[in-house]
Each structure stands twice: as structure tokens, then as C-alpha cells.
Amino acid sequence: MPCGPLQIIQLYALGTRNVFYGALSMLIFSLGTVPLLFTFGAINSIISKKYAHRILKLSAVFITILGFLMISRGFALSEIQTDLPVSSQMTVSSDVGIAILEGKVQVVTTSILQDSYPPILVQKGIPVQ
């Protein structure tokens, strides 16, 4: 089973709709991963058996924590409420445009900057103006 980054590059290569550009993007990705994989292989051969067991346990804990975080984020994207922490609570700063309900429409007053859009805060399911 390919890893997530490889799947993303595969989708990108397919999305180019060009055999040359798709193959080139896969080649660049594979050349970028070779040094890292070679380094992990070299470190693995250097580490003594005494430390390998500890590293294996630490890796298992790390992967388990990442798994719970990914499941929590998947639930959040699916709008399923969980008690797992996804991120810190959202704080509203003074430059956030907050919608005001006028009838059946939310009205937001904000100013667009030259190189960015300031965040706005609206309620889901209500049209925005």
C-alpha cells in the first residue's frame, strides 16, 4: 500500500494529463525520497540491537498518537462530534469580519487588502451578503 505523499504525487501525475509531465513529476518525487530512505537504512544498520527495541516502542506510540489525530480530523471533516482534540479553540481577533443577521441573510462588512483576504466568521446554512 503506497503512503499518503506517494498517493498525492500519483494523483498529481494523473492530473497533468501528460505522460511526460506525469513521469517527470514521479521521477522528481522518487529522487527526493532516495536520500531520506538511504539515511534511514544506514541509521538502522548502525543502531545496536539494544536501542532498536526502544526505538520500536517509541515509534509505535508516535504512530498511535498520529492515528488518533487523523481519525479525529476525519470526524471533524465529516462533521461528527468527538471529544478528541483537533486543534485549539478558535479565537476571534479584531480584524475578523463577523456576520450580522439581517432577516434571512448574513451581512458581513470587511475590507479586502491588496495581497490577502481577511477572515470572516459566518454561520453555516444561511446565505451571506
N, C-alpha and C. Protein backbone atom coordinates (compact mmCIF):
# COMPACT_ATOMS: atom_id res chain seq x y z
N MET A 1 0.85 -1.18 0.00
CA MET A 1 0.00 0.00 0.00
C MET A 1 0.89 1.23 0.00
N PRO A 2 0.74 2.10 -0.98
CA PRO A 2 1.58 3.30 -1.02
C PRO A 2 1.21 4.28 0.10
N CYS A 3 2.20 5.07 0.50
CA CYS A 3 1.99 6.06 1.55
C CYS A 3 1.18 7.25 1.01
N GLY A 4 0.72 8.07 1.92
CA GLY A 4 -0.10 9.23 1.55
C GLY A 4 0.58 10.18 0.59
N PRO A 5 1.84 10.61 0.87
CA PRO A 5 2.50 11.52 -0.07
C PRO A 5 2.67 10.92 -1.46
N LEU A 6 2.94 9.62 -1.53
CA LEU A 6 3.07 8.98 -2.84
C LEU A 6 1.75 8.98 -3.58
N GLN A 7 0.65 8.74 -2.86
CA GLN A 7 -0.66 8.77 -3.49
C GLN A 7 -0.99 10.16 -4.02
N ILE A 8 -0.59 11.19 -3.27
CA ILE A 8 -0.83 12.56 -3.73
C ILE A 8 -0.06 12.84 -5.01
N ILE A 9 1.20 12.41 -5.07
CA ILE A 9 2.00 12.62 -6.27
C ILE A 9 1.44 11.81 -7.44
N GLN A 10 0.95 10.61 -7.16
CA GLN A 10 0.34 9.81 -8.23
C GLN A 10 -0.90 10.51 -8.79
N LEU A 11 -1.73 11.08 -7.90
CA LEU A 11 -2.90 11.82 -8.37
C LEU A 11 -2.48 13.06 -9.16
N TYR A 12 -1.42 13.73 -8.69
CA TYR A 12 -0.93 14.90 -9.42
C TYR A 12 -0.45 14.48 -10.81
N ALA A 13 0.30 13.37 -10.87
CA ALA A 13 0.82 12.90 -12.17
C ALA A 13 -0.32 12.55 -13.11
N LEU A 14 -1.37 11.92 -12.59
CA LEU A 14 -2.54 11.63 -13.42
C LEU A 14 -3.25 12.91 -13.84
N GLY A 15 -3.28 13.89 -12.94
CA GLY A 15 -3.96 15.16 -13.22
C GLY A 15 -3.27 16.01 -14.27
N THR A 16 -2.00 15.76 -14.53
CA THR A 16 -1.31 16.54 -15.55
C THR A 16 -1.81 16.19 -16.95
N ARG A 17 -2.37 15.00 -17.13
CA ARG A 17 -2.89 14.52 -18.41
C ARG A 17 -1.82 14.52 -19.50
N ASN A 18 -0.60 14.35 -19.05
CA ASN A 18 0.52 14.33 -19.99
C ASN A 18 1.49 13.27 -19.50
N VAL A 19 1.83 12.33 -20.37
CA VAL A 19 2.71 11.23 -19.97
C VAL A 19 4.07 11.76 -19.53
N PHE A 20 4.62 12.71 -20.28
CA PHE A 20 5.95 13.23 -19.96
C PHE A 20 5.96 13.96 -18.62
N TYR A 21 5.02 14.89 -18.42
CA TYR A 21 5.00 15.65 -17.17
C TYR A 21 4.64 14.75 -15.98
N GLY A 22 3.75 13.79 -16.19
CA GLY A 22 3.42 12.87 -15.12
C GLY A 22 4.62 12.02 -14.71
N ALA A 23 5.34 11.50 -15.72
CA ALA A 23 6.53 10.70 -15.43
C ALA A 23 7.62 11.56 -14.79
N LEU A 24 7.76 12.80 -15.25
CA LEU A 24 8.77 13.69 -14.68
C LEU A 24 8.47 14.01 -13.22
N SER A 25 7.19 14.24 -12.89
CA SER A 25 6.84 14.54 -11.50
C SER A 25 7.09 13.32 -10.61
N MET A 26 6.80 12.13 -11.10
CA MET A 26 7.08 10.91 -10.32
C MET A 26 8.58 10.71 -10.15
N LEU A 27 9.37 11.02 -11.19
CA LEU A 27 10.83 10.89 -11.10
C LEU A 27 11.40 11.86 -10.07
N ILE A 28 10.95 13.10 -10.10
CA ILE A 28 11.45 14.10 -9.15
C ILE A 28 11.09 13.69 -7.73
N PHE A 29 9.87 13.19 -7.52
CA PHE A 29 9.47 12.74 -6.19
C PHE A 29 10.34 11.58 -5.73
N SER A 30 10.58 10.62 -6.62
CA SER A 30 11.38 9.46 -6.21
C SER A 30 12.83 9.86 -5.92
N LEU A 31 13.38 10.78 -6.69
CA LEU A 31 14.74 11.25 -6.41
C LEU A 31 14.82 12.02 -5.10
N GLY A 32 13.74 12.67 -4.73
CA GLY A 32 13.70 13.39 -3.47
C GLY A 32 13.60 12.48 -2.27
N THR A 33 13.03 11.29 -2.45
CA THR A 33 12.89 10.37 -1.33
C THR A 33 14.11 9.46 -1.14
N VAL A 34 14.93 9.30 -2.17
CA VAL A 34 16.08 8.39 -2.07
C VAL A 34 17.03 8.77 -0.94
N PRO A 35 17.44 10.04 -0.79
CA PRO A 35 18.37 10.36 0.31
C PRO A 35 17.79 10.04 1.69
N LEU A 36 16.51 10.33 1.89
CA LEU A 36 15.90 10.07 3.19
C LEU A 36 15.82 8.57 3.47
N LEU A 37 15.40 7.80 2.50
CA LEU A 37 15.31 6.36 2.70
C LEU A 37 16.69 5.75 2.89
N PHE A 38 17.68 6.22 2.15
CA PHE A 38 19.05 5.73 2.33
C PHE A 38 19.57 6.05 3.73
N THR A 39 19.27 7.26 4.21
CA THR A 39 19.69 7.66 5.56
C THR A 39 19.04 6.78 6.61
N PHE A 40 17.73 6.52 6.48
CA PHE A 40 17.06 5.64 7.44
C PHE A 40 17.66 4.24 7.41
N GLY A 41 17.99 3.74 6.24
CA GLY A 41 18.61 2.42 6.14
C GLY A 41 19.98 2.39 6.80
N ALA A 42 20.77 3.44 6.60
CA ALA A 42 22.10 3.50 7.20
C ALA A 42 22.00 3.60 8.72
N ILE A 43 21.09 4.42 9.22
CA ILE A 43 20.90 4.55 10.67
C ILE A 43 20.45 3.23 11.26
N ASN A 44 19.56 2.53 10.56
CA ASN A 44 19.07 1.25 11.05
C ASN A 44 20.20 0.23 11.18
N SER A 45 21.13 0.24 10.26
CA SER A 45 22.23 -0.73 10.34
C SER A 45 23.25 -0.33 11.42
N ILE A 46 23.31 0.95 11.79
CA ILE A 46 24.25 1.41 12.81
C ILE A 46 23.72 1.18 14.22
N ILE A 47 22.41 1.33 14.40
CA ILE A 47 21.82 1.21 15.74
C ILE A 47 21.99 -0.22 16.25
N SER A 48 22.43 -0.33 17.47
CA SER A 48 22.61 -1.66 18.06
C SER A 48 21.25 -2.26 18.41
N LYS A 49 21.25 -3.56 18.62
CA LYS A 49 20.00 -4.26 18.96
C LYS A 49 19.41 -3.76 20.28
N LYS A 50 20.26 -3.27 21.17
CA LYS A 50 19.79 -2.78 22.47
C LYS A 50 18.86 -1.58 22.29
N TYR A 51 19.18 -0.67 21.41
CA TYR A 51 18.36 0.53 21.20
C TYR A 51 17.23 0.32 20.21
N ALA A 52 17.33 -0.68 19.38
CA ALA A 52 16.29 -0.93 18.37
C ALA A 52 14.95 -1.22 19.03
N HIS A 53 14.94 -1.93 20.14
CA HIS A 53 13.69 -2.25 20.83
C HIS A 53 13.04 -0.99 21.38
N ARG A 54 13.81 -0.09 21.94
CA ARG A 54 13.27 1.18 22.47
C ARG A 54 12.72 2.05 21.34
N ILE A 55 13.45 2.12 20.25
CA ILE A 55 13.01 2.92 19.11
C ILE A 55 11.72 2.35 18.53
N LEU A 56 11.60 1.03 18.50
CA LEU A 56 10.39 0.40 18.00
C LEU A 56 9.19 0.76 18.88
N LYS A 57 9.36 0.74 20.21
CA LYS A 57 8.27 1.12 21.11
C LYS A 57 7.90 2.59 20.96
N LEU A 58 8.91 3.45 20.86
CA LEU A 58 8.66 4.88 20.68
C LEU A 58 7.93 5.15 19.37
N SER A 59 8.33 4.45 18.33
CA SER A 59 7.67 4.61 17.03
C SER A 59 6.22 4.16 17.10
N ALA A 60 5.94 3.08 17.81
CA ALA A 60 4.57 2.58 17.94
C ALA A 60 3.69 3.60 18.66
N VAL A 61 4.22 4.22 19.70
CA VAL A 61 3.46 5.25 20.43
C VAL A 61 3.21 6.45 19.52
N PHE A 62 4.23 6.86 18.80
CA PHE A 62 4.11 8.01 17.89
C PHE A 62 3.06 7.74 16.80
N ILE A 63 3.10 6.57 16.19
CA ILE A 63 2.14 6.22 15.15
C ILE A 63 0.73 6.13 15.71
N THR A 64 0.57 5.62 16.92
CA THR A 64 -0.75 5.54 17.54
C THR A 64 -1.32 6.93 17.78
N ILE A 65 -0.51 7.84 18.29
CA ILE A 65 -0.97 9.22 18.51
C ILE A 65 -1.37 9.87 17.18
N LEU A 66 -0.53 9.69 16.15
CA LEU A 66 -0.87 10.25 14.84
C LEU A 66 -2.16 9.63 14.29
N GLY A 67 -2.37 8.34 14.53
CA GLY A 67 -3.59 7.70 14.08
C GLY A 67 -4.82 8.30 14.72
N PHE A 68 -4.77 8.53 16.04
CA PHE A 68 -5.91 9.15 16.72
C PHE A 68 -6.16 10.57 16.21
N LEU A 69 -5.09 11.32 15.95
CA LEU A 69 -5.27 12.67 15.42
C LEU A 69 -5.89 12.65 14.02
N MET A 70 -5.46 11.73 13.17
CA MET A 70 -6.02 11.64 11.82
C MET A 70 -7.49 11.22 11.86
N ILE A 71 -7.82 10.28 12.74
CA ILE A 71 -9.22 9.87 12.88
C ILE A 71 -10.06 11.04 13.38
N SER A 72 -9.55 11.80 14.34
CA SER A 72 -10.26 12.96 14.86
C SER A 72 -10.49 14.00 13.78
N ARG A 73 -9.48 14.24 12.96
CA ARG A 73 -9.64 15.21 11.87
C ARG A 73 -10.61 14.71 10.82
N GLY A 74 -10.61 13.41 10.57
CA GLY A 74 -11.58 12.85 9.64
C GLY A 74 -13.00 13.02 10.14
N PHE A 75 -13.21 12.79 11.44
CA PHE A 75 -14.53 13.02 12.02
C PHE A 75 -14.91 14.49 11.92
N ALA A 76 -13.96 15.39 12.16
CA ALA A 76 -14.26 16.82 12.09
C ALA A 76 -14.66 17.21 10.67
N LEU A 77 -13.98 16.65 9.67
CA LEU A 77 -14.35 16.94 8.29
C LEU A 77 -15.72 16.38 7.93
N SER A 78 -16.08 15.28 8.58
CA SER A 78 -17.39 14.67 8.36
C SER A 78 -18.47 15.28 9.25
N GLU A 79 -18.08 16.27 10.03
CA GLU A 79 -18.97 16.97 10.96
C GLU A 79 -19.53 16.03 12.03
N ILE A 80 -18.72 15.05 12.45
CA ILE A 80 -19.09 14.16 13.54
C ILE A 80 -18.39 14.68 14.79
N GLN A 81 -19.16 14.94 15.85
CA GLN A 81 -18.60 15.49 17.08
C GLN A 81 -17.86 14.41 17.85
N THR A 82 -16.63 14.72 18.26
CA THR A 82 -15.84 13.83 19.12
C THR A 82 -15.25 14.65 20.25
N ASP A 83 -14.76 13.97 21.25
CA ASP A 83 -14.09 14.65 22.34
C ASP A 83 -12.59 14.71 22.14
N LEU A 84 -12.10 14.16 21.00
CA LEU A 84 -10.67 14.21 20.72
C LEU A 84 -10.28 15.61 20.29
N PRO A 85 -9.16 16.12 20.75
CA PRO A 85 -8.75 17.48 20.36
C PRO A 85 -8.28 17.51 18.91
N VAL A 86 -8.89 18.37 18.09
CA VAL A 86 -8.46 18.55 16.72
C VAL A 86 -7.49 19.71 16.64
N SER A 87 -7.85 20.79 17.25
CA SER A 87 -6.97 21.96 17.33
C SER A 87 -7.46 22.81 18.49
N SER A 88 -6.72 23.85 18.79
CA SER A 88 -7.14 24.73 19.87
C SER A 88 -8.42 25.46 19.48
N GLN A 89 -9.12 25.95 20.48
CA GLN A 89 -10.36 26.66 20.22
C GLN A 89 -10.08 27.91 19.40
N MET A 90 -11.01 28.22 18.50
CA MET A 90 -10.83 29.38 17.64
C MET A 90 -11.03 30.65 18.45
N THR A 91 -10.09 31.55 18.34
CA THR A 91 -10.24 32.85 18.97
C THR A 91 -10.50 33.87 17.88
N VAL A 92 -11.38 34.79 18.16
CA VAL A 92 -11.75 35.80 17.18
C VAL A 92 -10.95 37.06 17.46
N SER A 93 -10.15 37.47 16.49
CA SER A 93 -9.39 38.70 16.64
C SER A 93 -10.21 39.86 16.12
N SER A 94 -9.70 41.06 16.32
CA SER A 94 -10.45 42.26 15.96
C SER A 94 -10.57 42.46 14.45
N ASP A 95 -9.68 41.85 13.63
CA ASP A 95 -9.75 42.07 12.19
C ASP A 95 -10.62 41.05 11.47
N VAL A 96 -11.33 40.19 12.21
CA VAL A 96 -12.21 39.20 11.62
C VAL A 96 -13.56 39.85 11.36
N GLY A 97 -14.09 39.69 10.12
CA GLY A 97 -15.41 40.20 9.79
C GLY A 97 -16.47 39.24 10.31
N ILE A 98 -17.27 39.70 11.25
CA ILE A 98 -18.30 38.86 11.85
C ILE A 98 -19.64 39.21 11.22
N ALA A 99 -20.38 38.17 10.81
CA ALA A 99 -21.66 38.37 10.13
C ALA A 99 -22.73 38.84 11.10
N ILE A 100 -23.58 39.72 10.61
CA ILE A 100 -24.74 40.19 11.37
C ILE A 100 -25.98 39.71 10.63
N LEU A 101 -26.89 39.06 11.33
CA LEU A 101 -28.09 38.50 10.72
C LEU A 101 -29.10 39.62 10.48
N GLU A 102 -29.45 39.83 9.22
CA GLU A 102 -30.47 40.82 8.83
C GLU A 102 -31.53 40.09 8.03
N GLY A 103 -32.62 39.76 8.67
CA GLY A 103 -33.67 38.98 8.01
C GLY A 103 -33.20 37.54 7.85
N LYS A 104 -33.19 37.06 6.60
CA LYS A 104 -32.75 35.69 6.32
C LYS A 104 -31.38 35.66 5.67
N VAL A 105 -30.62 36.76 5.79
CA VAL A 105 -29.31 36.88 5.15
C VAL A 105 -28.30 37.35 6.20
N GLN A 106 -27.08 36.80 6.14
CA GLN A 106 -25.99 37.28 6.97
C GLN A 106 -25.24 38.36 6.19
N VAL A 107 -24.99 39.48 6.82
CA VAL A 107 -24.28 40.58 6.17
C VAL A 107 -22.92 40.73 6.85
N VAL A 108 -21.86 40.72 6.04
CA VAL A 108 -20.50 40.86 6.56
C VAL A 108 -19.88 42.08 5.91
N THR A 109 -19.33 42.96 6.73
CA THR A 109 -18.61 44.12 6.24
C THR A 109 -17.13 43.90 6.52
N THR A 110 -16.33 43.93 5.46
CA THR A 110 -14.90 43.70 5.59
C THR A 110 -14.18 44.49 4.51
N SER A 111 -12.89 44.64 4.67
CA SER A 111 -12.11 45.32 3.64
C SER A 111 -11.08 44.34 3.09
N ILE A 112 -10.96 44.31 1.78
CA ILE A 112 -10.03 43.40 1.12
C ILE A 112 -8.70 44.12 0.97
N LEU A 113 -7.65 43.49 1.45
CA LEU A 113 -6.31 44.07 1.34
C LEU A 113 -5.72 43.78 -0.03
N GLN A 114 -4.61 44.40 -0.35
CA GLN A 114 -4.02 44.24 -1.66
C GLN A 114 -3.55 42.81 -1.92
N ASP A 115 -2.99 42.16 -0.90
CA ASP A 115 -2.42 40.84 -1.11
C ASP A 115 -3.06 39.74 -0.28
N SER A 116 -4.17 40.01 0.37
CA SER A 116 -4.80 38.96 1.17
C SER A 116 -6.27 39.30 1.44
N TYR A 117 -6.98 38.28 1.86
CA TYR A 117 -8.36 38.44 2.26
C TYR A 117 -8.45 38.21 3.76
N PRO A 118 -8.99 39.16 4.51
CA PRO A 118 -9.13 38.93 5.95
C PRO A 118 -10.18 37.86 6.21
N PRO A 119 -10.06 37.11 7.30
CA PRO A 119 -11.04 36.06 7.59
C PRO A 119 -12.40 36.65 7.95
N ILE A 120 -13.45 35.90 7.64
CA ILE A 120 -14.80 36.28 8.05
C ILE A 120 -15.40 35.12 8.82
N LEU A 121 -16.35 35.42 9.70
CA LEU A 121 -17.00 34.41 10.51
C LEU A 121 -18.48 34.44 10.20
N VAL A 122 -18.98 33.32 9.63
CA VAL A 122 -20.39 33.21 9.25
C VAL A 122 -20.96 31.92 9.80
N GLN A 123 -22.30 31.83 9.79
CA GLN A 123 -22.99 30.63 10.26
C GLN A 123 -23.37 29.78 9.06
N LYS A 124 -23.16 28.49 9.19
CA LYS A 124 -23.44 27.54 8.11
C LYS A 124 -24.94 27.49 7.82
N GLY A 125 -25.27 27.42 6.53
CA GLY A 125 -26.65 27.22 6.12
C GLY A 125 -27.46 28.49 5.91
N ILE A 126 -26.88 29.65 6.15
CA ILE A 126 -27.58 30.92 5.97
C ILE A 126 -26.87 31.69 4.88
N PRO A 127 -27.59 32.21 3.87
CA PRO A 127 -26.93 32.95 2.79
C PRO A 127 -26.13 34.15 3.33
N VAL A 128 -25.03 34.46 2.65
CA VAL A 128 -24.13 35.53 3.08
C VAL A 128 -24.10 36.62 2.01
N GLN A 129 -24.11 37.87 2.48
CA GLN A 129 -24.02 39.02 1.58
C GLN A 129 -22.86 39.87 2.03
